[in-house]
Protein backbone atom coordinates (compact mmCIF):
# COMPACT_ATOMS: atom_id res chain seq x y z
CA UNK A 1 128.41 113.64 109.68
CA UNK A 2 127.51 117.23 109.00
CA UNK A 3 126.60 119.84 111.58
CA UNK A 4 122.90 119.65 110.73
CA UNK A 5 122.88 115.97 111.52
CA UNK A 6 124.81 116.45 114.76
CA UNK A 7 122.26 119.08 115.79
CA UNK A 8 119.41 116.75 114.86
CA UNK A 9 120.95 113.90 116.89
CA UNK A 10 121.23 116.22 119.92
CA UNK A 11 117.57 117.23 119.47
CA UNK A 12 116.60 113.58 119.18
CA UNK A 13 118.48 112.78 122.40
CA UNK A 14 116.45 115.43 124.23
CA UNK A 15 113.20 113.99 122.85
CA UNK A 16 113.96 110.38 123.84
CA UNK A 17 115.64 111.12 127.16
CA UNK A 18 112.45 110.95 129.29
CA UNK A 19 111.57 107.53 127.85
CA UNK A 20 114.79 105.57 128.18
CA UNK A 21 115.67 102.98 130.79
CA UNK A 22 119.37 102.92 129.96
CA UNK A 23 120.90 106.37 130.38
CA UNK A 24 124.39 105.05 129.66
CA UNK A 25 123.24 104.03 126.18
CA UNK A 26 121.97 107.57 125.62
CA UNK A 27 125.47 108.91 126.30
CA UNK A 28 126.95 106.63 123.65
CA UNK A 29 124.10 107.11 121.17
CA UNK A 30 125.10 106.84 117.51
CA UNK A 31 123.20 106.57 114.24
CA UNK A 32 123.27 102.79 114.69
CA UNK A 33 121.59 102.92 118.14
CA UNK A 34 118.40 100.84 118.23
CA UNK A 35 115.60 102.41 120.28
CA UNK A 36 114.24 99.11 121.56
CA UNK A 37 117.36 96.92 121.90
CA UNK A 38 119.91 99.53 122.98
CA UNK A 39 117.80 102.13 124.79
CA UNK A 40 115.17 99.67 126.08
CA UNK A 41 112.29 101.87 124.99
CA UNK A 42 108.98 100.01 124.90
CA UNK A 43 106.58 100.27 121.96
CA UNK A 44 104.12 102.54 123.81
CA UNK A 45 106.92 105.00 124.53
CA UNK A 46 108.08 104.72 120.92
CA UNK A 47 104.67 106.10 119.91
CA UNK A 48 105.15 108.97 122.39
CA UNK A 49 108.55 109.70 120.86
CA UNK A 50 107.04 109.80 117.37
CA UNK A 51 104.39 112.24 118.61
CA UNK A 52 107.09 114.39 120.21
CA UNK A 53 109.09 114.37 116.96
CA UNK A 54 105.99 115.35 114.98
CA UNK A 55 105.35 118.23 117.36
CA UNK A 56 108.96 119.47 117.41
CA UNK A 57 109.44 119.45 113.65
CA UNK A 58 105.78 120.13 112.71
CA UNK A 59 105.63 117.04 110.51
CA UNK A 60 103.26 114.08 110.20
CA UNK A 61 104.77 110.61 110.38
CA UNK A 62 102.61 107.97 108.71
CA UNK A 63 102.26 104.41 110.03
CA UNK A 64 104.68 102.84 107.55
CA UNK A 65 107.36 105.38 108.49
CA UNK A 66 106.60 104.87 112.17
CA UNK A 67 107.15 101.11 111.83
CA UNK A 68 110.58 101.74 110.28
CA UNK A 69 111.64 104.19 112.99
CA UNK A 70 113.57 101.73 115.13
CA UNK A 71 117.06 103.23 114.98
CA UNK A 72 118.50 106.71 115.25
CA UNK A 73 119.53 106.53 111.58
CA UNK A 74 115.99 105.63 110.46
CA UNK A 75 114.52 108.41 112.61
CA UNK A 76 116.91 110.97 111.10
CA UNK A 77 116.10 109.84 107.56
CA UNK A 78 112.35 109.99 108.19
CA UNK A 79 112.59 113.45 109.78
CA UNK A 80 114.69 114.72 106.83
CA UNK A 81 112.28 113.26 104.26
CA UNK A 82 109.23 114.74 105.98
CA UNK A 83 110.88 118.15 106.33
CA UNK A 84 111.79 118.10 102.63
CA UNK A 85 108.20 117.22 101.69
CA UNK A 86 106.71 120.21 103.47
């Protein structure tokens, strides 16, 4: 994992922190962490997280990307792709 990705994971942790039920899972967050299963984030909060990500990175995440954004890895890939598009 490169430094950029580590930074991005730390930023992602800060974004999802207010929405999680399981703070222990946040401490052990990896690229494989599932937002719903591991962090117990509900779908309404997942939408809030997407909005927060859009605001932080000044990107627009379409519905098909939003539906795929269920893990940290997927979120990182989507953020990267959107940043490269702009």
